Amino acid sequence: MQQQPEEPVLSFDVTEADFEAAVLEPSMQVPVLLDCWAPWCGPCKSLGPVLEKLVQAYGGRFLLAKLNTDEAPQISAALRIRSIPLVVLFIGGRPVDQFTGALPEGQIRAFLDKHLPAGAPEAAEGVTVDALREQAAQASDHETALDLLSQALSIEPEHPAANLDMAEHLIALGAFDQARGLLDTLPADAGPRHSQLLARIALAANQPPGDAAALAARIQANPRDFEARFQLAAIQAWTGDFDAAFEQLLDVVMRDRAEGKPDREKARLQLIAWFEACPDPAAVSKGRRYLGMYLN
């Protein structure tokens, strides 16, 4: 007799020990609704069955995680829970919306429909991963883009480009750990954009020391102050001004005439590393072109 495939688990209990693995990490690919309840809470007992009904009705477009707040004081404090039931929606590893109290089913559906694709993903007319990615690319803020990309990943959780899009927006928001966690779920050969995003995280996570204005003054007084150029370039790259950072190091390559040209080589190696991290193809193309000219 042929074995029937197992039904996907759409609702589950969560604790402080597995909160990251059960709520934050899955929310990178599909929205997770966190139901914060307690055994003594009367409204929680009436809300729970409604949420269970809805998670089944929505057919995998979100997951339902249930947290006993009496057994999770640290998470309760982190979420600043003042009253329960509290229901929090996580998308892209972050809480994006919430409501309190035992709302009626219709209001909860309206709450969910603000963040989820209209209709079942496989049947929603016109709702495709590519269409949602395009909307995310045109979004006015990163939070909106993450919401749209989460909808895209609820349709195709392993879509490589959509996952990379989400990681890029997380990096822009400074959520480096979440972005790295998402990138770590992708295969190592996911392409140059994957390695570029990892390089950007490594760069952004280490703020360089120094005062940009003071370093610029040193360079103006002595254009061959290579130490100041390296320090200023590091600050500029960390802030995302790769064009300016490349100019500083290209100046070092051009000006170093010392025996063995140690600063030229140091600048060349740093440029190659930053070419991989830079998200601006035009800046990289220009930097590579001038580096080739100065080395010849």
C-alpha atoms as a PDB file:
ATOM      1  CA  MET A   1       0.000   0.000   0.000  1.00  0.00           C
ATOM      2  CA  GLN A   2       1.416   3.381  -1.006  1.00  0.00           C
ATOM      3  CA  GLN A   3       2.298   5.600   1.949  1.00  0.00           C
ATOM      4  CA  GLN A   4       0.407   8.879   2.068  1.00  0.00           C
ATOM      5  CA  PRO A   5       2.560  12.046   2.242  1.00  0.00           C
ATOM      6  CA  GLU A   6       2.625  13.733   5.629  1.00  0.00           C
ATOM      7  CA  GLU A   7       0.574  16.864   6.072  1.00  0.00           C
ATOM      8  CA  PRO A   8       2.708  19.983   6.626  1.00  0.00           C
ATOM      9  CA  VAL A   9       2.835  21.227  10.213  1.00  0.00           C
ATOM     10  CA  LEU A  10       1.238  24.655  10.211  1.00  0.00           C
ATOM     11  CA  SER A  11       0.877  25.274  13.964  1.00  0.00           C
ATOM     12  CA  PHE A  12       3.155  24.348  16.838  1.00  0.00           C
ATOM     13  CA  ASP A  13       4.225  25.272  20.358  1.00  0.00           C
ATOM     14  CA  VAL A  14       7.373  27.339  20.798  1.00  0.00           C
ATOM     15  CA  THR A  15       9.630  27.993  23.810  1.00  0.00           C
ATOM     16  CA  GLU A  16      12.462  30.366  24.613  1.00  0.00           C
ATOM     17  CA  ALA A  17      14.948  27.606  23.745  1.00  0.00           C
ATOM     18  CA  ASP A  18      13.743  27.174  20.153  1.00  0.00           C
ATOM     19  CA  PHE A  19      12.263  30.632  19.484  1.00  0.00           C
ATOM     20  CA  GLU A  20      14.941  31.633  16.980  1.00  0.00           C
ATOM     21  CA  ALA A  21      14.823  28.326  15.087  1.00  0.00           C
ATOM     22  CA  ALA A  22      11.015  27.999  15.191  1.00  0.00           C
ATOM     23  CA  VAL A  23       9.930  31.623  14.657  1.00  0.00           C
ATOM     24  CA  LEU A  24      12.674  33.961  13.421  1.00  0.00           C
ATOM     25  CA  GLU A  25      14.366  31.660  10.919  1.00  0.00           C
ATOM     26  CA  PRO A  26      11.155  30.320   9.288  1.00  0.00           C
ATOM     27  CA  SER A  27       9.809  33.885   9.012  1.00  0.00           C
ATOM     28  CA  MET A  28      12.571  34.572   6.493  1.00  0.00           C
ATOM     29  CA  GLN A  29      10.590  32.446   4.041  1.00  0.00           C
ATOM     30  CA  VAL A  30       6.983  32.456   5.255  1.00  0.00           C
ATOM     31  CA  PRO A  31       5.209  34.796   7.723  1.00  0.00           C
ATOM     32  CA  VAL A  32       4.922  33.416  11.263  1.00  0.00           C
ATOM     33  CA  LEU A  33       2.040  34.466  13.512  1.00  0.00           C
ATOM     34  CA  LEU A  34       3.037  34.289  17.192  1.00  0.00           C
ATOM     35  CA  ASP A  35       0.166  33.694  19.630  1.00  0.00           C
ATOM     36  CA  CYS A  36       1.252  34.826  23.115  1.00  0.00           C
ATOM     37  CA  TRP A  37      -1.045  33.181  25.665  1.00  0.00           C
ATOM     38  CA  ALA A  38      -1.169  31.779  29.212  1.00  0.00           C
ATOM     39  CA  PRO A  39      -3.194  28.949  30.829  1.00  0.00           C
ATOM     40  CA  TRP A  40      -5.038  31.348  33.160  1.00  0.00           C
ATOM     41  CA  CYS A  41      -6.095  33.737  30.349  1.00  0.00           C
ATOM     42  CA  GLY A  42      -9.789  33.377  29.447  1.00  0.00           C
ATOM     43  CA  PRO A  43      -9.725  35.348  26.160  1.00  0.00           C
ATOM     44  CA  CYS A  44      -6.691  33.302  25.074  1.00  0.00           C
ATOM     45  CA  LYS A  45      -8.804  30.146  25.238  1.00  0.00           C
ATOM     46  CA  SER A  46     -11.380  31.617  22.861  1.00  0.00           C
ATOM     47  CA  LEU A  47      -8.803  33.112  20.482  1.00  0.00           C
ATOM     48  CA  GLY A  48      -6.704  29.954  20.123  1.00  0.00           C
ATOM     49  CA  PRO A  49      -9.262  27.886  18.152  1.00  0.00           C
ATOM     50  CA  VAL A  50      -9.910  30.821  15.802  1.00  0.00           C
ATOM     51  CA  LEU A  51      -6.205  31.106  14.984  1.00  0.00           C
ATOM     52  CA  GLU A  52      -5.973  27.327  14.500  1.00  0.00           C
ATOM     53  CA  LYS A  53      -8.901  27.473  12.086  1.00  0.00           C
ATOM     54  CA  LEU A  54      -7.356  30.344  10.126  1.00  0.00           C
ATOM     55  CA  VAL A  55      -3.895  28.799   9.767  1.00  0.00           C
ATOM     56  CA  GLN A  56      -5.533  25.775   8.153  1.00  0.00           C
ATOM     57  CA  ALA A  57      -7.842  27.895   6.013  1.00  0.00           C
ATOM     58  CA  TYR A  58      -4.914  29.939   4.673  1.00  0.00           C
ATOM     59  CA  GLY A  59      -3.224  26.732   3.569  1.00  0.00           C
ATOM     60  CA  GLY A  60       0.392  27.417   4.454  1.00  0.00           C
ATOM     61  CA  ARG A  61       0.522  31.118   3.648  1.00  0.00           C
ATOM     62  CA  PHE A  62       1.573  31.641   7.269  1.00  0.00           C
ATOM     63  CA  LEU A  63       2.601  29.508  10.232  1.00  0.00           C
ATOM     64  CA  LEU A  64       1.150  29.693  13.742  1.00  0.00           C
ATOM     65  CA  ALA A  65       3.558  29.563  16.694  1.00  0.00           C
ATOM     66  CA  LYS A  66       2.076  29.389  20.205  1.00  0.00           C
ATOM     67  CA  LEU A  67       4.064  30.794  23.141  1.00  0.00           C
ATOM     68  CA  ASN A  68       3.132  30.236  26.794  1.00  0.00           C
ATOM     69  CA  THR A  69       4.233  33.580  28.263  1.00  0.00           C
ATOM     70  CA  ASP A  70       4.390  32.159  31.796  1.00  0.00           C
ATOM     71  CA  GLU A  71       7.264  29.957  30.621  1.00  0.00           C
ATOM     72  CA  ALA A  72       8.979  32.602  28.467  1.00  0.00           C
ATOM     73  CA  PRO A  73       9.831  35.644  30.633  1.00  0.00           C
ATOM     74  CA  GLN A  74      12.753  36.787  28.456  1.00  0.00           C
ATOM     75  CA  ILE A  75      10.778  36.806  25.218  1.00  0.00           C
ATOM     76  CA  SER A  76       7.829  38.418  27.003  1.00  0.00           C
ATOM     77  CA  ALA A  77      10.141  41.196  28.145  1.00  0.00           C
ATOM     78  CA  ALA A  78      11.683  41.568  24.663  1.00  0.00           C
ATOM     79  CA  LEU A  79       8.204  41.896  23.118  1.00  0.00           C
ATOM     80  CA  ARG A  80       7.144  44.269  25.928  1.00  0.00           C
ATOM     81  CA  ILE A  81       4.016  42.252  26.604  1.00  0.00           C
ATOM     82  CA  ARG A  82       1.631  44.182  28.846  1.00  0.00           C
ATOM     83  CA  SER A  83      -1.531  42.163  28.265  1.00  0.00           C
ATOM     84  CA  ILE A  84      -2.562  38.940  26.596  1.00  0.00           C
ATOM     85  CA  PRO A  85      -3.622  37.548  24.292  1.00  0.00           C
ATOM     86  CA  LEU A  86      -1.039  39.301  22.131  1.00  0.00           C
ATOM     87  CA  VAL A  87      -0.582  38.178  18.525  1.00  0.00           C
ATOM     88  CA  VAL A  88       2.564  39.283  16.674  1.00  0.00           C
ATOM     89  CA  LEU A  89       3.286  38.761  12.973  1.00  0.00           C
ATOM     90  CA  PHE A  90       6.929  38.074  12.081  1.00  0.00           C
ATOM     91  CA  ILE A  91       8.199  38.615   8.529  1.00  0.00           C
ATOM     92  CA  GLY A  92      11.842  38.549   7.507  1.00  0.00           C
ATOM     93  CA  GLY A  93      12.951  37.746  11.037  1.00  0.00           C
ATOM     94  CA  ARG A  94      11.270  40.851  12.482  1.00  0.00           C
ATOM     95  CA  PRO A  95       7.919  41.736  14.078  1.00  0.00           C
ATOM     96  CA  VAL A  96       5.969  43.811  11.549  1.00  0.00           C
ATOM     97  CA  ASP A  97       2.500  44.108  13.112  1.00  0.00           C
ATOM     98  CA  GLN A  98       0.459  42.943  16.107  1.00  0.00           C
ATOM     99  CA  PHE A  99      -2.909  43.041  17.833  1.00  0.00           C
ATOM    100  CA  THR A 100      -4.162  42.404  21.347  1.00  0.00           C
ATOM    101  CA  GLY A 101      -7.336  40.777  22.576  1.00  0.00           C
ATOM    102  CA  ALA A 102      -9.582  38.054  21.217  1.00  0.00           C
ATOM    103  CA  LEU A 103     -10.617  39.714  17.963  1.00  0.00           C
ATOM    104  CA  PRO A 104     -13.411  38.183  15.869  1.00  0.00           C
ATOM    105  CA  GLU A 105     -12.403  36.061  12.875  1.00  0.00           C
ATOM    106  CA  GLY A 106     -13.239  38.746  10.329  1.00  0.00           C
ATOM    107  CA  GLN A 107     -10.915  41.295  11.907  1.00  0.00           C
ATOM    108  CA  ILE A 108      -8.102  38.753  12.128  1.00  0.00           C
ATOM    109  CA  ARG A 109      -8.549  37.917   8.442  1.00  0.00           C
ATOM    110  CA  ALA A 110      -8.303  41.621   7.617  1.00  0.00           C
ATOM    111  CA  PHE A 111      -5.142  41.835   9.724  1.00  0.00           C
ATOM    112  CA  LEU A 112      -3.599  38.892   7.872  1.00  0.00           C
ATOM    113  CA  ASP A 113      -4.678  40.067   4.427  1.00  0.00           C
ATOM    114  CA  LYS A 114      -2.711  43.312   4.887  1.00  0.00           C
ATOM    115  CA  HIS A 115       0.485  41.257   4.829  1.00  0.00           C
ATOM    116  CA  LEU A 116      -0.268  38.112   2.835  1.00  0.00           C
ATOM    117  CA  PRO A 117      -0.880  37.644  -0.913  1.00  0.00           C
ATOM    118  CA  ALA A 118      -4.532  37.834  -1.936  1.00  0.00           C
ATOM    119  CA  GLY A 119      -5.860  34.290  -2.268  1.00  0.00           C
ATOM    120  CA  ALA A 120      -3.943  31.043  -2.210  1.00  0.00           C
ATOM    121  CA  PRO A 121      -0.467  31.474  -3.708  1.00  0.00           C
ATOM    122  CA  GLU A 122      -0.844  28.833  -6.377  1.00  0.00           C
ATOM    123  CA  ALA A 123      -4.244  30.159  -7.464  1.00  0.00           C
ATOM    124  CA  ALA A 124      -3.890  33.923  -7.017  1.00  0.00           C
ATOM    125  CA  GLU A 125      -4.300  35.451 -10.446  1.00  0.00           C
ATOM    126  CA  GLY A 126      -1.339  37.647 -11.360  1.00  0.00           C
ATOM    127  CA  VAL A 127       0.533  36.978  -8.106  1.00  0.00           C
ATOM    128  CA  THR A 128       3.916  35.557  -9.062  1.00  0.00           C
ATOM    129  CA  VAL A 129       7.351  35.574  -7.479  1.00  0.00           C
ATOM    130  CA  ASP A 130       8.737  37.763 -10.257  1.00  0.00           C
ATOM    131  CA  ALA A 131       5.868  40.253  -9.963  1.00  0.00           C
ATOM    132  CA  LEU A 132       6.337  40.520  -6.188  1.00  0.00           C
ATOM    133  CA  ARG A 133      10.114  40.915  -6.625  1.00  0.00           C
ATOM    134  CA  GLU A 134       9.512  43.757  -9.055  1.00  0.00           C
ATOM    135  CA  GLN A 135       7.137  45.453  -6.617  1.00  0.00           C
ATOM    136  CA  ALA A 136       9.719  45.050  -3.851  1.00  0.00           C
ATOM    137  CA  ALA A 137      12.413  46.619  -6.042  1.00  0.00           C
ATOM    138  CA  GLN A 138      10.161  49.663  -6.516  1.00  0.00           C
ATOM    139  CA  ALA A 139       9.069  49.901  -2.870  1.00  0.00           C
ATOM    140  CA  SER A 140       9.677  53.205  -1.106  1.00  0.00           C
ATOM    141  CA  ASP A 141      11.116  51.606   2.036  1.00  0.00           C
ATOM    142  CA  HIS A 142      12.866  48.412   3.055  1.00  0.00           C
ATOM    143  CA  GLU A 143      10.067  47.254   5.376  1.00  0.00           C
ATOM    144  CA  THR A 144       7.547  47.244   2.521  1.00  0.00           C
ATOM    145  CA  ALA A 145      10.028  45.437   0.304  1.00  0.00           C
ATOM    146  CA  LEU A 146      10.562  42.751   2.961  1.00  0.00           C
ATOM    147  CA  ASP A 147       6.817  42.276   3.277  1.00  0.00           C
ATOM    148  CA  LEU A 148       6.485  41.759  -0.490  1.00  0.00           C
ATOM    149  CA  LEU A 149       9.459  39.406  -0.627  1.00  0.00           C
ATOM    150  CA  SER A 150       8.027  37.341   2.228  1.00  0.00           C
ATOM    151  CA  GLN A 151       4.881  36.961   0.136  1.00  0.00           C
ATOM    152  CA  ALA A 152       7.027  35.861  -2.802  1.00  0.00           C
ATOM    153  CA  LEU A 153       8.814  33.281  -0.663  1.00  0.00           C
ATOM    154  CA  SER A 154       5.500  31.950   0.626  1.00  0.00           C
ATOM    155  CA  ILE A 155       4.847  31.003  -3.011  1.00  0.00           C
ATOM    156  CA  GLU A 156       8.313  29.575  -3.715  1.00  0.00           C
ATOM    157  CA  PRO A 157      10.356  29.327  -0.482  1.00  0.00           C
ATOM    158  CA  GLU A 158      13.599  28.249  -2.181  1.00  0.00           C
ATOM    159  CA  HIS A 159      13.574  30.890  -4.933  1.00  0.00           C
ATOM    160  CA  PRO A 160      17.286  31.940  -4.980  1.00  0.00           C
ATOM    161  CA  ALA A 161      16.873  35.492  -6.291  1.00  0.00           C
ATOM    162  CA  ALA A 162      14.026  36.328  -3.899  1.00  0.00           C
ATOM    163  CA  ASN A 163      16.091  35.077  -0.955  1.00  0.00           C
ATOM    164  CA  LEU A 164      19.022  37.211  -2.089  1.00  0.00           C
ATOM    165  CA  ASP A 165      16.702  40.208  -2.480  1.00  0.00           C
ATOM    166  CA  MET A 166      15.509  39.742   1.088  1.00  0.00           C
ATOM    167  CA  ALA A 167      19.072  39.458   2.405  1.00  0.00           C
ATOM    168  CA  GLU A 168      19.988  42.701   0.642  1.00  0.00           C
ATOM    169  CA  HIS A 169      17.133  44.604   2.286  1.00  0.00           C
ATOM    170  CA  LEU A 170      18.017  43.154   5.681  1.00  0.00           C
ATOM    171  CA  ILE A 171      21.593  44.366   5.215  1.00  0.00           C
ATOM    172  CA  ALA A 172      20.304  47.832   4.339  1.00  0.00           C
ATOM    173  CA  LEU A 173      18.382  47.845   7.643  1.00  0.00           C
ATOM    174  CA  GLY A 174      21.466  46.738   9.569  1.00  0.00           C
ATOM    175  CA  ALA A 175      20.011  43.304  10.376  1.00  0.00           C
ATOM    176  CA  PHE A 176      23.312  41.596   9.615  1.00  0.00           C
ATOM    177  CA  ASP A 177      22.767  38.445  11.703  1.00  0.00           C
ATOM    178  CA  GLN A 178      19.389  37.803  10.091  1.00  0.00           C
ATOM    179  CA  ALA A 179      20.817  38.424   6.623  1.00  0.00           C
ATOM    180  CA  ARG A 180      23.719  36.053   7.250  1.00  0.00           C
ATOM    181  CA  GLY A 181      21.337  33.416   8.608  1.00  0.00           C
ATOM    182  CA  LEU A 182      19.274  33.670   5.437  1.00  0.00           C
ATOM    183  CA  LEU A 183      22.347  33.519   3.178  1.00  0.00           C
ATOM    184  CA  ASP A 184      23.611  30.488   5.077  1.00  0.00           C
ATOM    185  CA  THR A 185      20.493  28.578   4.007  1.00  0.00           C
ATOM    186  CA  LEU A 186      21.456  28.998   0.349  1.00  0.00           C
ATOM    187  CA  PRO A 187      23.955  26.733  -1.411  1.00  0.00           C
ATOM    188  CA  ALA A 188      27.590  27.878  -1.436  1.00  0.00           C
ATOM    189  CA  ASP A 189      27.508  28.057  -5.244  1.00  0.00           C
ATOM    190  CA  ALA A 190      24.522  30.427  -5.277  1.00  0.00           C
ATOM    191  CA  GLY A 191      26.435  32.811  -7.525  1.00  0.00           C
ATOM    192  CA  PRO A 192      28.445  36.020  -7.311  1.00  0.00           C
ATOM    193  CA  ARG A 193      25.643  38.000  -5.688  1.00  0.00           C
ATOM    194  CA  HIS A 194      25.642  35.567  -2.758  1.00  0.00           C
ATOM    195  CA  SER A 195      29.354  36.071  -2.119  1.00  0.00           C
ATOM    196  CA  GLN A 196      28.960  39.830  -2.633  1.00  0.00           C
ATOM    197  CA  LEU A 197      26.311  40.062   0.084  1.00  0.00           C
ATOM    198  CA  LEU A 198      28.451  38.031   2.484  1.00  0.00           C
ATOM    199  CA  ALA A 199      31.347  40.408   1.772  1.00  0.00           C
ATOM    200  CA  ARG A 200      29.101  43.407   2.467  1.00  0.00           C
ATOM    201  CA  ILE A 201      28.071  41.921   5.822  1.00  0.00           C
ATOM    202  CA  ALA A 202      31.696  41.315   6.770  1.00  0.00           C
ATOM    203  CA  LEU A 203      32.562  44.909   5.837  1.00  0.00           C
ATOM    204  CA  ALA A 204      29.554  46.534   7.512  1.00  0.00           C
ATOM    205  CA  ALA A 205      29.947  44.572  10.749  1.00  0.00           C
ATOM    206  CA  ASN A 206      33.354  46.141  11.501  1.00  0.00           C
ATOM    207  CA  GLN A 207      33.210  49.930  11.859  1.00  0.00           C
ATOM    208  CA  PRO A 208      36.694  51.373  11.236  1.00  0.00           C
ATOM    209  CA  PRO A 209      38.184  53.929  13.654  1.00  0.00           C
ATOM    210  CA  GLY A 210      39.188  57.469  12.753  1.00  0.00           C
ATOM    211  CA  ASP A 211      37.736  60.882  11.942  1.00  0.00           C
ATOM    212  CA  ALA A 212      36.999  61.354   8.241  1.00  0.00           C
ATOM    213  CA  ALA A 213      37.442  65.142   8.300  1.00  0.00           C
ATOM    214  CA  ALA A 214      40.793  64.947  10.091  1.00  0.00           C
ATOM    215  CA  LEU A 215      42.036  62.258   7.709  1.00  0.00           C
ATOM    216  CA  ALA A 216      40.958  64.314   4.686  1.00  0.00           C
ATOM    217  CA  ALA A 217      42.891  67.296   6.096  1.00  0.00           C
ATOM    218  CA  ARG A 218      45.993  65.122   6.465  1.00  0.00           C
ATOM    219  CA  ILE A 219      45.704  64.001   2.845  1.00  0.00           C
ATOM    220  CA  GLN A 220      45.246  67.561   1.613  1.00  0.00           C
ATOM    221  CA  ALA A 221      48.403  68.594   3.488  1.00  0.00           C
ATOM    222  CA  ASN A 222      50.358  65.570   2.232  1.00  0.00           C
ATOM    223  CA  PRO A 223      48.919  63.629  -0.729  1.00  0.00           C
ATOM    224  CA  ARG A 224      51.442  60.850  -0.058  1.00  0.00           C
ATOM    225  CA  ASP A 225      50.093  60.200   3.441  1.00  0.00           C
ATOM    226  CA  PHE A 226      49.109  56.655   2.512  1.00  0.00           C
ATOM    227  CA  GLU A 227      48.187  55.704   6.076  1.00  0.00           C
ATOM    228  CA  ALA A 228      45.536  58.442   6.102  1.00  0.00           C
ATOM    229  CA  ARG A 229      44.276  57.341   2.671  1.00  0.00           C
ATOM    230  CA  PHE A 230      43.859  53.731   3.815  1.00  0.00           C
ATOM    231  CA  GLN A 231      41.998  54.828   6.960  1.00  0.00           C
ATOM    232  CA  LEU A 232      39.735  57.253   5.105  1.00  0.00           C
ATOM    233  CA  ALA A 233      39.008  54.678   2.398  1.00  0.00           C
ATOM    234  CA  ALA A 234      37.965  52.167   5.082  1.00  0.00           C
ATOM    235  CA  ILE A 235      35.528  54.688   6.576  1.00  0.00           C
ATOM    236  CA  GLN A 236      34.121  55.541   3.150  1.00  0.00           C
ATOM    237  CA  ALA A 237      33.651  51.890   2.205  1.00  0.00           C
ATOM    238  CA  TRP A 238      31.977  51.167   5.550  1.00  0.00           C
ATOM    239  CA  THR A 239      29.469  53.997   4.942  1.00  0.00           C
ATOM    240  CA  GLY A 240      28.808  52.682   1.421  1.00  0.00           C
ATOM    241  CA  ASP A 241      30.663  55.411  -0.503  1.00  0.00           C
ATOM    242  CA  PHE A 242      32.687  52.917  -2.537  1.00  0.00           C
ATOM    243  CA  ASP A 243      33.395  55.392  -5.337  1.00  0.00           C
ATOM    244  CA  ALA A 244      35.298  57.664  -2.939  1.00  0.00           C
ATOM    245  CA  ALA A 245      37.017  54.702  -1.267  1.00  0.00           C
ATOM    246  CA  PHE A 246      38.212  53.415  -4.623  1.00  0.00           C
ATOM    247  CA  GLU A 247      39.625  56.854  -5.491  1.00  0.00           C
ATOM    248  CA  GLN A 248      41.694  56.928  -2.300  1.00  0.00           C
ATOM    249  CA  LEU A 249      43.247  53.535  -2.950  1.00  0.00           C
ATOM    250  CA  LEU A 250      43.776  54.192  -6.664  1.00  0.00           C
ATOM    251  CA  ASP A 251      45.722  57.298  -5.644  1.00  0.00           C
ATOM    252  CA  VAL A 252      47.943  55.073  -3.513  1.00  0.00           C
ATOM    253  CA  VAL A 253      48.496  52.712  -6.449  1.00  0.00           C
ATOM    254  CA  MET A 254      49.417  55.653  -8.670  1.00  0.00           C
ATOM    255  CA  ARG A 255      51.686  57.464  -6.175  1.00  0.00           C
ATOM    256  CA  ASP A 256      53.604  54.627  -4.500  1.00  0.00           C
ATOM    257  CA  ARG A 257      57.164  54.669  -5.833  1.00  0.00           C
ATOM    258  CA  ALA A 258      58.855  52.985  -2.872  1.00  0.00           C
ATOM    259  CA  GLU A 259      61.192  50.015  -3.201  1.00  0.00           C
ATOM    260  CA  GLY A 260      58.985  46.978  -3.811  1.00  0.00           C
ATOM    261  CA  LYS A 261      55.901  49.222  -3.850  1.00  0.00           C
ATOM    262  CA  PRO A 262      54.376  47.703  -0.636  1.00  0.00           C
ATOM    263  CA  ASP A 263      51.571  50.262  -0.352  1.00  0.00           C
ATOM    264  CA  ARG A 264      50.608  49.769  -3.998  1.00  0.00           C
ATOM    265  CA  GLU A 265      50.230  46.033  -3.411  1.00  0.00           C
ATOM    266  CA  LYS A 266      48.269  46.567  -0.197  1.00  0.00           C
ATOM    267  CA  ALA A 267      45.920  48.962  -2.027  1.00  0.00           C
ATOM    268  CA  ARG A 268      45.535  46.549  -4.951  1.00  0.00           C
ATOM    269  CA  LEU A 269      44.510  43.675  -2.697  1.00  0.00           C
ATOM    270  CA  GLN A 270      42.053  45.871  -0.770  1.00  0.00           C
ATOM    271  CA  LEU A 271      40.503  47.118  -4.004  1.00  0.00           C
ATOM    272  CA  ILE A 272      39.976  43.553  -5.229  1.00  0.00           C
ATOM    273  CA  ALA A 273      38.235  42.663  -1.956  1.00  0.00           C
ATOM    274  CA  TRP A 274      35.999  45.747  -2.101  1.00  0.00           C
ATOM    275  CA  PHE A 275      35.151  45.208  -5.765  1.00  0.00           C
ATOM    276  CA  GLU A 276      33.353  42.057  -4.605  1.00  0.00           C
ATOM    277  CA  ALA A 277      31.470  43.851  -1.835  1.00  0.00           C
ATOM    278  CA  CYS A 278      30.428  46.929  -3.833  1.00  0.00           C
ATOM    279  CA  PRO A 279      26.774  46.844  -5.003  1.00  0.00           C
ATOM    280  CA  ASP A 280      27.363  49.502  -7.708  1.00  0.00           C
ATOM    281  CA  PRO A 281      28.484  47.845 -10.982  1.00  0.00           C
ATOM    282  CA  ALA A 282      29.421  51.206 -12.519  1.00  0.00           C
ATOM    283  CA  ALA A 283      31.750  52.063  -9.625  1.00  0.00           C
ATOM    284  CA  VAL A 284      33.349  48.624  -9.815  1.00  0.00           C
ATOM    285  CA  SER A 285      33.827  48.864 -13.585  1.00  0.00           C
ATOM    286  CA  LYS A 286      35.444  52.276 -13.254  1.00  0.00           C
ATOM    287  CA  GLY A 287      37.661  51.114 -10.399  1.00  0.00           C
ATOM    288  CA  ARG A 288      38.848  48.034 -12.276  1.00  0.00           C
ATOM    289  CA  ARG A 289      39.584  50.088 -15.389  1.00  0.00           C
ATOM    290  CA  TYR A 290      41.722  52.637 -13.539  1.00  0.00           C
ATOM    291  CA  LEU A 291      43.462  49.945 -11.505  1.00  0.00           C
ATOM    292  CA  GLY A 292      44.497  48.203 -14.726  1.00  0.00           C
ATOM    293  CA  MET A 293      45.751  51.508 -16.181  1.00  0.00           C
ATOM    294  CA  TYR A 294      47.787  52.415 -13.075  1.00  0.00           C
ATOM    295  CA  LEU A 295      49.365  48.969 -12.775  1.00  0.00           C
ATOM    296  CA  ASN A 296      50.570  48.943 -16.379  1.00  0.00           C
END
